[in-house]
Amino acid sequence: MEIVYETERLYLCVFEDAHLESSKQFWGDEEVMTLCAGPASHEVLHKVIEGYRKCHNVHGLSVYAVKEKETNEIIGAAGFNTSGSLIEVELIYHFSKNSWGKGYATEAANACLEVAKNHGDVQLVTASASPENEGSLKILEKVGFRFKEMRYFDDTEQEEPYFEYVI
Protein backbone atom coordinates (compact mmCIF):
# COMPACT_ATOMS: atom_id res chain seq x y z
CA MET A 1 0.00 0.00 0.00
CA GLU A 2 1.49 3.30 -1.11
CA ILE A 3 0.87 6.04 1.46
CA VAL A 4 0.77 9.53 -0.05
CA TYR A 5 0.16 11.50 3.13
CA GLU A 6 -0.32 10.80 6.83
CA THR A 7 -2.28 12.75 9.44
CA GLU A 8 -2.85 12.07 13.12
CA ARG A 9 -5.72 9.66 12.41
CA LEU A 10 -5.64 8.95 8.67
CA TYR A 11 -3.58 7.77 5.74
CA LEU A 12 -4.18 8.94 2.17
CA CYS A 13 -3.28 5.91 0.04
CA VAL A 14 -3.14 5.15 -3.65
CA PHE A 15 -6.22 3.10 -4.50
CA GLU A 16 -5.72 -0.65 -4.91
CA ASP A 17 -8.04 -3.36 -6.22
CA ALA A 18 -8.38 -4.58 -2.62
CA HIS A 19 -10.28 -1.36 -1.83
CA LEU A 20 -13.20 -2.27 -4.10
CA GLU A 21 -15.47 -3.64 -1.37
CA SER A 22 -14.78 -0.71 0.94
CA SER A 23 -15.54 1.79 -1.84
CA LYS A 24 -19.09 0.44 -2.03
CA GLN A 25 -19.66 1.95 1.43
CA PHE A 26 -19.28 5.46 0.04
CA TRP A 27 -19.33 5.64 -3.79
CA GLY A 28 -21.92 2.88 -4.03
CA ASP A 29 -24.16 4.14 -1.23
CA GLU A 30 -27.37 5.96 -2.20
CA GLU A 31 -27.47 8.18 0.92
CA VAL A 32 -23.79 9.15 0.73
CA MET A 33 -23.98 10.05 -2.94
CA THR A 34 -27.51 11.47 -3.11
CA LEU A 35 -26.23 15.06 -3.36
CA CYS A 36 -23.40 14.09 -5.74
CA ALA A 37 -25.24 12.84 -8.84
CA GLY A 38 -26.07 9.50 -7.25
CA PRO A 39 -24.16 6.32 -6.44
CA ALA A 40 -21.83 4.55 -8.84
CA SER A 41 -22.89 1.07 -9.87
CA HIS A 42 -20.83 -1.65 -8.26
CA GLU A 43 -19.87 -2.86 -11.73
CA VAL A 44 -17.97 0.34 -12.57
CA LEU A 45 -16.24 0.90 -9.24
CA HIS A 46 -13.24 -1.20 -10.25
CA LYS A 47 -12.76 1.11 -13.26
CA VAL A 48 -12.98 4.16 -10.99
CA ILE A 49 -10.30 2.72 -8.70
CA GLU A 50 -8.10 1.77 -11.66
CA GLY A 51 -8.51 5.25 -13.15
CA TYR A 52 -7.49 7.00 -9.94
CA ARG A 53 -4.48 4.69 -9.54
CA LYS A 54 -3.37 5.46 -13.11
CA CYS A 55 -3.89 9.18 -12.53
CA HIS A 56 -1.56 9.06 -9.52
CA ASN A 57 1.05 7.09 -11.47
CA VAL A 58 0.98 9.55 -14.39
CA HIS A 59 0.47 12.88 -12.60
CA GLY A 60 1.53 12.25 -9.01
CA LEU A 61 -1.87 13.53 -7.93
CA SER A 62 -5.25 11.84 -7.73
CA VAL A 63 -8.18 10.87 -5.55
CA TYR A 64 -6.95 8.63 -2.73
CA ALA A 65 -8.35 6.00 -0.42
CA VAL A 66 -8.69 7.36 3.11
CA LYS A 67 -7.65 4.76 5.66
CA GLU A 68 -8.43 5.17 9.35
CA LYS A 69 -5.33 4.28 11.35
CA GLU A 70 -7.17 2.95 14.40
CA THR A 71 -9.30 0.40 12.51
CA ASN A 72 -7.10 -0.04 9.42
CA GLU A 73 -10.29 0.36 7.35
CA ILE A 74 -10.89 2.39 4.19
CA ILE A 75 -13.54 4.90 5.26
CA GLY A 76 -13.65 7.20 2.25
CA ALA A 77 -11.97 8.86 -0.66
CA ALA A 78 -10.40 12.30 -0.89
CA GLY A 79 -8.20 14.03 -3.40
CA PHE A 80 -8.23 15.64 -6.79
CA ASN A 81 -10.00 15.26 -10.06
CA THR A 82 -7.65 16.44 -12.78
CA SER A 83 -8.35 17.44 -16.35
CA GLY A 84 -5.33 18.08 -18.50
CA SER A 85 -3.17 20.64 -16.73
CA LEU A 86 -2.40 20.23 -13.06
CA ILE A 87 -2.35 24.01 -12.57
CA GLU A 88 -6.03 23.77 -11.55
CA VAL A 89 -7.50 20.71 -9.83
CA GLU A 90 -10.82 19.93 -8.14
CA LEU A 91 -10.97 18.71 -4.54
CA ILE A 92 -13.49 15.97 -3.82
CA TYR A 93 -14.20 13.83 -0.77
CA HIS A 94 -16.75 11.14 0.08
CA PHE A 95 -16.99 9.18 3.33
CA SER A 96 -18.96 6.18 4.51
CA LYS A 97 -21.94 7.02 6.73
CA ASN A 98 -20.42 5.44 9.84
CA SER A 99 -17.51 7.91 9.65
CA TRP A 100 -19.65 11.05 9.41
CA GLY A 101 -19.44 13.64 12.17
CA LYS A 102 -15.96 12.66 13.36
CA GLY A 103 -13.93 15.36 11.60
CA TYR A 104 -12.41 12.95 9.06
CA ALA A 105 -13.50 14.96 6.02
CA THR A 106 -11.92 18.13 7.42
CA GLU A 107 -8.74 16.26 8.31
CA ALA A 108 -8.59 14.66 4.85
CA ALA A 109 -9.33 17.95 3.06
CA ASN A 110 -6.47 19.65 4.93
CA ALA A 111 -4.19 16.72 4.05
CA CYS A 112 -5.15 17.01 0.39
CA LEU A 113 -4.29 20.71 0.38
CA GLU A 114 -0.86 19.85 1.78
CA VAL A 115 -0.42 17.26 -0.99
CA ALA A 116 -1.32 19.92 -3.57
CA LYS A 117 1.12 22.42 -2.04
CA ASN A 118 3.90 19.82 -2.07
CA HIS A 119 3.19 18.77 -5.65
CA GLY A 120 4.68 21.86 -7.25
CA ASP A 121 2.43 22.27 -10.30
CA VAL A 122 -0.88 23.06 -8.60
CA GLN A 123 -1.75 26.74 -8.35
CA LEU A 124 -5.52 26.61 -7.79
CA VAL A 125 -7.80 24.08 -6.11
CA THR A 126 -11.51 24.35 -6.84
CA ALA A 127 -14.45 22.72 -5.09
CA SER A 128 -18.21 22.75 -5.11
CA ALA A 129 -20.99 21.10 -3.16
CA SER A 130 -24.73 20.87 -3.32
CA PRO A 131 -26.35 23.86 -1.60
CA GLU A 132 -28.16 21.29 0.58
CA ASN A 133 -24.89 19.75 1.78
CA GLU A 134 -24.28 22.15 4.66
CA GLY A 135 -21.62 19.94 6.24
CA SER A 136 -19.48 19.90 3.12
CA LEU A 137 -19.86 23.64 2.61
CA LYS A 138 -18.71 24.27 6.20
CA ILE A 139 -15.68 22.01 5.67
CA LEU A 140 -14.62 23.94 2.57
CA GLU A 141 -14.76 27.24 4.44
CA LYS A 142 -13.05 25.75 7.53
CA VAL A 143 -10.03 24.57 5.51
CA GLY A 144 -9.61 27.93 3.78
CA PHE A 145 -11.59 27.84 0.53
CA ARG A 146 -13.22 31.10 -0.54
CA PHE A 147 -16.70 31.23 -2.03
CA LYS A 148 -16.59 32.73 -5.53
CA GLU A 149 -20.03 32.33 -7.09
CA MET A 150 -22.98 30.08 -7.76
CA ARG A 151 -22.18 27.96 -10.81
CA TYR A 152 -24.18 25.43 -12.85
CA PHE A 153 -22.71 21.91 -13.01
CA ASP A 154 -23.75 19.48 -15.72
CA ASP A 155 -23.01 16.35 -13.68
CA THR A 156 -25.39 17.31 -10.86
CA GLU A 157 -27.68 19.37 -13.11
CA GLN A 158 -27.90 22.22 -10.62
CA GLU A 159 -26.34 25.46 -9.49
CA GLU A 160 -23.90 24.97 -6.64
CA PRO A 161 -21.66 27.17 -4.53
CA TYR A 162 -18.24 27.24 -6.22
CA PHE A 163 -15.09 27.73 -4.13
CA GLU A 164 -11.40 28.34 -4.80
CA TYR A 165 -8.21 27.84 -2.80
CA VAL A 166 -5.08 29.54 -4.14
CA ILE A 167 -1.87 27.62 -3.47
C-alpha atoms as a PDB file:
ATOM      1  CA  MET A   1       0.000   0.000   0.000  1.00  0.00           C
ATOM      2  CA  GLU A   2       1.487   3.303  -1.113  1.00  0.00           C
ATOM      3  CA  ILE A   3       0.866   6.044   1.460  1.00  0.00           C
ATOM      4  CA  VAL A   4       0.774   9.529  -0.050  1.00  0.00           C
ATOM      5  CA  TYR A   5       0.158  11.503   3.130  1.00  0.00           C
ATOM      6  CA  GLU A   6      -0.322  10.800   6.828  1.00  0.00           C
ATOM      7  CA  THR A   7      -2.280  12.754   9.438  1.00  0.00           C
ATOM      8  CA  GLU A   8      -2.853  12.073  13.115  1.00  0.00           C
ATOM      9  CA  ARG A   9      -5.725   9.656  12.407  1.00  0.00           C
ATOM     10  CA  LEU A  10      -5.642   8.954   8.675  1.00  0.00           C
ATOM     11  CA  TYR A  11      -3.578   7.771   5.737  1.00  0.00           C
ATOM     12  CA  LEU A  12      -4.176   8.939   2.172  1.00  0.00           C
ATOM     13  CA  CYS A  13      -3.283   5.907   0.039  1.00  0.00           C
ATOM     14  CA  VAL A  14      -3.138   5.150  -3.654  1.00  0.00           C
ATOM     15  CA  PHE A  15      -6.220   3.099  -4.503  1.00  0.00           C
ATOM     16  CA  GLU A  16      -5.723  -0.652  -4.912  1.00  0.00           C
ATOM     17  CA  ASP A  17      -8.043  -3.362  -6.219  1.00  0.00           C
ATOM     18  CA  ALA A  18      -8.382  -4.582  -2.624  1.00  0.00           C
ATOM     19  CA  HIS A  19     -10.275  -1.358  -1.829  1.00  0.00           C
ATOM     20  CA  LEU A  20     -13.202  -2.266  -4.098  1.00  0.00           C
ATOM     21  CA  GLU A  21     -15.472  -3.645  -1.367  1.00  0.00           C
ATOM     22  CA  SER A  22     -14.784  -0.707   0.938  1.00  0.00           C
ATOM     23  CA  SER A  23     -15.542   1.791  -1.836  1.00  0.00           C
ATOM     24  CA  LYS A  24     -19.093   0.445  -2.030  1.00  0.00           C
ATOM     25  CA  GLN A  25     -19.660   1.949   1.433  1.00  0.00           C
ATOM     26  CA  PHE A  26     -19.279   5.465   0.038  1.00  0.00           C
ATOM     27  CA  TRP A  27     -19.332   5.637  -3.785  1.00  0.00           C
ATOM     28  CA  GLY A  28     -21.920   2.884  -4.032  1.00  0.00           C
ATOM     29  CA  ASP A  29     -24.162   4.135  -1.235  1.00  0.00           C
ATOM     30  CA  GLU A  30     -27.375   5.961  -2.196  1.00  0.00           C
ATOM     31  CA  GLU A  31     -27.470   8.178   0.917  1.00  0.00           C
ATOM     32  CA  VAL A  32     -23.787   9.153   0.733  1.00  0.00           C
ATOM     33  CA  MET A  33     -23.980  10.054  -2.942  1.00  0.00           C
ATOM     34  CA  THR A  34     -27.513  11.470  -3.108  1.00  0.00           C
ATOM     35  CA  LEU A  35     -26.231  15.059  -3.357  1.00  0.00           C
ATOM     36  CA  CYS A  36     -23.398  14.085  -5.741  1.00  0.00           C
ATOM     37  CA  ALA A  37     -25.243  12.842  -8.841  1.00  0.00           C
ATOM     38  CA  GLY A  38     -26.067   9.495  -7.252  1.00  0.00           C
ATOM     39  CA  PRO A  39     -24.156   6.317  -6.445  1.00  0.00           C
ATOM     40  CA  ALA A  40     -21.830   4.548  -8.844  1.00  0.00           C
ATOM     41  CA  SER A  41     -22.888   1.070  -9.869  1.00  0.00           C
ATOM     42  CA  HIS A  42     -20.831  -1.654  -8.260  1.00  0.00           C
ATOM     43  CA  GLU A  43     -19.866  -2.865 -11.734  1.00  0.00           C
ATOM     44  CA  VAL A  44     -17.971   0.345 -12.572  1.00  0.00           C
ATOM     45  CA  LEU A  45     -16.242   0.904  -9.239  1.00  0.00           C
ATOM     46  CA  HIS A  46     -13.235  -1.200 -10.246  1.00  0.00           C
ATOM     47  CA  LYS A  47     -12.763   1.111 -13.260  1.00  0.00           C
ATOM     48  CA  VAL A  48     -12.976   4.158 -10.994  1.00  0.00           C
ATOM     49  CA  ILE A  49     -10.302   2.721  -8.704  1.00  0.00           C
ATOM     50  CA  GLU A  50      -8.100   1.774 -11.657  1.00  0.00           C
ATOM     51  CA  GLY A  51      -8.512   5.255 -13.150  1.00  0.00           C
ATOM     52  CA  TYR A  52      -7.491   7.004  -9.939  1.00  0.00           C
ATOM     53  CA  ARG A  53      -4.482   4.691  -9.538  1.00  0.00           C
ATOM     54  CA  LYS A  54      -3.367   5.459 -13.108  1.00  0.00           C
ATOM     55  CA  CYS A  55      -3.893   9.180 -12.529  1.00  0.00           C
ATOM     56  CA  HIS A  56      -1.563   9.056  -9.524  1.00  0.00           C
ATOM     57  CA  ASN A  57       1.053   7.087 -11.472  1.00  0.00           C
ATOM     58  CA  VAL A  58       0.981   9.545 -14.387  1.00  0.00           C
ATOM     59  CA  HIS A  59       0.471  12.880 -12.601  1.00  0.00           C
ATOM     60  CA  GLY A  60       1.535  12.248  -9.006  1.00  0.00           C
ATOM     61  CA  LEU A  61      -1.870  13.530  -7.930  1.00  0.00           C
ATOM     62  CA  SER A  62      -5.250  11.842  -7.732  1.00  0.00           C
ATOM     63  CA  VAL A  63      -8.178  10.866  -5.548  1.00  0.00           C
ATOM     64  CA  TYR A  64      -6.953   8.629  -2.728  1.00  0.00           C
ATOM     65  CA  ALA A  65      -8.349   5.997  -0.425  1.00  0.00           C
ATOM     66  CA  VAL A  66      -8.690   7.358   3.107  1.00  0.00           C
ATOM     67  CA  LYS A  67      -7.654   4.760   5.659  1.00  0.00           C
ATOM     68  CA  GLU A  68      -8.433   5.166   9.345  1.00  0.00           C
ATOM     69  CA  LYS A  69      -5.334   4.285  11.352  1.00  0.00           C
ATOM     70  CA  GLU A  70      -7.171   2.950  14.405  1.00  0.00           C
ATOM     71  CA  THR A  71      -9.298   0.398  12.512  1.00  0.00           C
ATOM     72  CA  ASN A  72      -7.103  -0.045   9.422  1.00  0.00           C
ATOM     73  CA  GLU A  73     -10.285   0.359   7.347  1.00  0.00           C
ATOM     74  CA  ILE A  74     -10.891   2.388   4.188  1.00  0.00           C
ATOM     75  CA  ILE A  75     -13.541   4.897   5.263  1.00  0.00           C
ATOM     76  CA  GLY A  76     -13.655   7.197   2.255  1.00  0.00           C
ATOM     77  CA  ALA A  77     -11.968   8.859  -0.664  1.00  0.00           C
ATOM     78  CA  ALA A  78     -10.398  12.301  -0.895  1.00  0.00           C
ATOM     79  CA  GLY A  79      -8.198  14.033  -3.403  1.00  0.00           C
ATOM     80  CA  PHE A  80      -8.227  15.639  -6.790  1.00  0.00           C
ATOM     81  CA  ASN A  81      -9.998  15.256 -10.060  1.00  0.00           C
ATOM     82  CA  THR A  82      -7.650  16.442 -12.779  1.00  0.00           C
ATOM     83  CA  SER A  83      -8.347  17.435 -16.351  1.00  0.00           C
ATOM     84  CA  GLY A  84      -5.326  18.085 -18.497  1.00  0.00           C
ATOM     85  CA  SER A  85      -3.167  20.639 -16.731  1.00  0.00           C
ATOM     86  CA  LEU A  86      -2.400  20.233 -13.060  1.00  0.00           C
ATOM     87  CA  ILE A  87      -2.352  24.005 -12.570  1.00  0.00           C
ATOM     88  CA  GLU A  88      -6.028  23.774 -11.555  1.00  0.00           C
ATOM     89  CA  VAL A  89      -7.501  20.707  -9.825  1.00  0.00           C
ATOM     90  CA  GLU A  90     -10.818  19.931  -8.141  1.00  0.00           C
ATOM     91  CA  LEU A  91     -10.970  18.707  -4.539  1.00  0.00           C
ATOM     92  CA  ILE A  92     -13.490  15.968  -3.815  1.00  0.00           C
ATOM     93  CA  TYR A  93     -14.201  13.825  -0.771  1.00  0.00           C
ATOM     94  CA  HIS A  94     -16.754  11.144   0.080  1.00  0.00           C
ATOM     95  CA  PHE A  95     -16.988   9.179   3.330  1.00  0.00           C
ATOM     96  CA  SER A  96     -18.956   6.177   4.509  1.00  0.00           C
ATOM     97  CA  LYS A  97     -21.938   7.021   6.729  1.00  0.00           C
ATOM     98  CA  ASN A  98     -20.421   5.438   9.841  1.00  0.00           C
ATOM     99  CA  SER A  99     -17.509   7.910   9.646  1.00  0.00           C
ATOM    100  CA  TRP A 100     -19.653  11.051   9.406  1.00  0.00           C
ATOM    101  CA  GLY A 101     -19.445  13.645  12.175  1.00  0.00           C
ATOM    102  CA  LYS A 102     -15.965  12.662  13.361  1.00  0.00           C
ATOM    103  CA  GLY A 103     -13.934  15.355  11.599  1.00  0.00           C
ATOM    104  CA  TYR A 104     -12.413  12.954   9.063  1.00  0.00           C
ATOM    105  CA  ALA A 105     -13.496  14.959   6.017  1.00  0.00           C
ATOM    106  CA  THR A 106     -11.923  18.128   7.418  1.00  0.00           C
ATOM    107  CA  GLU A 107      -8.740  16.261   8.307  1.00  0.00           C
ATOM    108  CA  ALA A 108      -8.587  14.660   4.855  1.00  0.00           C
ATOM    109  CA  ALA A 109      -9.329  17.949   3.060  1.00  0.00           C
ATOM    110  CA  ASN A 110      -6.470  19.652   4.930  1.00  0.00           C
ATOM    111  CA  ALA A 111      -4.194  16.723   4.051  1.00  0.00           C
ATOM    112  CA  CYS A 112      -5.155  17.013   0.394  1.00  0.00           C
ATOM    113  CA  LEU A 113      -4.294  20.712   0.376  1.00  0.00           C
ATOM    114  CA  GLU A 114      -0.861  19.846   1.775  1.00  0.00           C
ATOM    115  CA  VAL A 115      -0.421  17.256  -0.987  1.00  0.00           C
ATOM    116  CA  ALA A 116      -1.321  19.924  -3.572  1.00  0.00           C
ATOM    117  CA  LYS A 117       1.117  22.418  -2.044  1.00  0.00           C
ATOM    118  CA  ASN A 118       3.895  19.823  -2.073  1.00  0.00           C
ATOM    119  CA  HIS A 119       3.187  18.765  -5.653  1.00  0.00           C
ATOM    120  CA  GLY A 120       4.677  21.864  -7.247  1.00  0.00           C
ATOM    121  CA  ASP A 121       2.434  22.269 -10.297  1.00  0.00           C
ATOM    122  CA  VAL A 122      -0.884  23.056  -8.603  1.00  0.00           C
ATOM    123  CA  GLN A 123      -1.748  26.741  -8.348  1.00  0.00           C
ATOM    124  CA  LEU A 124      -5.515  26.612  -7.790  1.00  0.00           C
ATOM    125  CA  VAL A 125      -7.796  24.081  -6.111  1.00  0.00           C
ATOM    126  CA  THR A 126     -11.508  24.350  -6.839  1.00  0.00           C
ATOM    127  CA  ALA A 127     -14.445  22.719  -5.091  1.00  0.00           C
ATOM    128  CA  SER A 128     -18.209  22.751  -5.105  1.00  0.00           C
ATOM    129  CA  ALA A 129     -20.990  21.102  -3.155  1.00  0.00           C
ATOM    130  CA  SER A 130     -24.730  20.867  -3.316  1.00  0.00           C
ATOM    131  CA  PRO A 131     -26.349  23.858  -1.603  1.00  0.00           C
ATOM    132  CA  GLU A 132     -28.159  21.290   0.581  1.00  0.00           C
ATOM    133  CA  ASN A 133     -24.886  19.750   1.780  1.00  0.00           C
ATOM    134  CA  GLU A 134     -24.277  22.153   4.659  1.00  0.00           C
ATOM    135  CA  GLY A 135     -21.620  19.940   6.238  1.00  0.00           C
ATOM    136  CA  SER A 136     -19.477  19.896   3.121  1.00  0.00           C
ATOM    137  CA  LEU A 137     -19.864  23.643   2.607  1.00  0.00           C
ATOM    138  CA  LYS A 138     -18.706  24.266   6.203  1.00  0.00           C
ATOM    139  CA  ILE A 139     -15.683  22.009   5.668  1.00  0.00           C
ATOM    140  CA  LEU A 140     -14.620  23.945   2.573  1.00  0.00           C
ATOM    141  CA  GLU A 141     -14.765  27.240   4.445  1.00  0.00           C
ATOM    142  CA  LYS A 142     -13.051  25.749   7.528  1.00  0.00           C
ATOM    143  CA  VAL A 143     -10.025  24.570   5.511  1.00  0.00           C
ATOM    144  CA  GLY A 144      -9.609  27.931   3.775  1.00  0.00           C
ATOM    145  CA  PHE A 145     -11.588  27.843   0.534  1.00  0.00           C
ATOM    146  CA  ARG A 146     -13.216  31.100  -0.541  1.00  0.00           C
ATOM    147  CA  PHE A 147     -16.701  31.234  -2.031  1.00  0.00           C
ATOM    148  CA  LYS A 148     -16.591  32.732  -5.533  1.00  0.00           C
ATOM    149  CA  GLU A 149     -20.030  32.326  -7.095  1.00  0.00           C
ATOM    150  CA  MET A 150     -22.979  30.085  -7.757  1.00  0.00           C
ATOM    151  CA  ARG A 151     -22.185  27.961 -10.812  1.00  0.00           C
ATOM    152  CA  TYR A 152     -24.182  25.432 -12.851  1.00  0.00           C
ATOM    153  CA  PHE A 153     -22.708  21.909 -13.013  1.00  0.00           C
ATOM    154  CA  ASP A 154     -23.749  19.479 -15.721  1.00  0.00           C
ATOM    155  CA  ASP A 155     -23.011  16.346 -13.679  1.00  0.00           C
ATOM    156  CA  THR A 156     -25.388  17.313 -10.860  1.00  0.00           C
ATOM    157  CA  GLU A 157     -27.683  19.374 -13.110  1.00  0.00           C
ATOM    158  CA  GLN A 158     -27.903  22.216 -10.623  1.00  0.00           C
ATOM    159  CA  GLU A 159     -26.342  25.464  -9.485  1.00  0.00           C
ATOM    160  CA  GLU A 160     -23.900  24.969  -6.637  1.00  0.00           C
ATOM    161  CA  PRO A 161     -21.658  27.166  -4.530  1.00  0.00           C
ATOM    162  CA  TYR A 162     -18.244  27.245  -6.216  1.00  0.00           C
ATOM    163  CA  PHE A 163     -15.087  27.732  -4.126  1.00  0.00           C
ATOM    164  CA  GLU A 164     -11.397  28.340  -4.798  1.00  0.00           C
ATOM    165  CA  TYR A 165      -8.214  27.841  -2.799  1.00  0.00           C
ATOM    166  CA  VAL A 166      -5.085  29.536  -4.138  1.00  0.00           C
ATOM    167  CA  ILE A 167      -1.867  27.622  -3.475  1.00  0.00           C
END
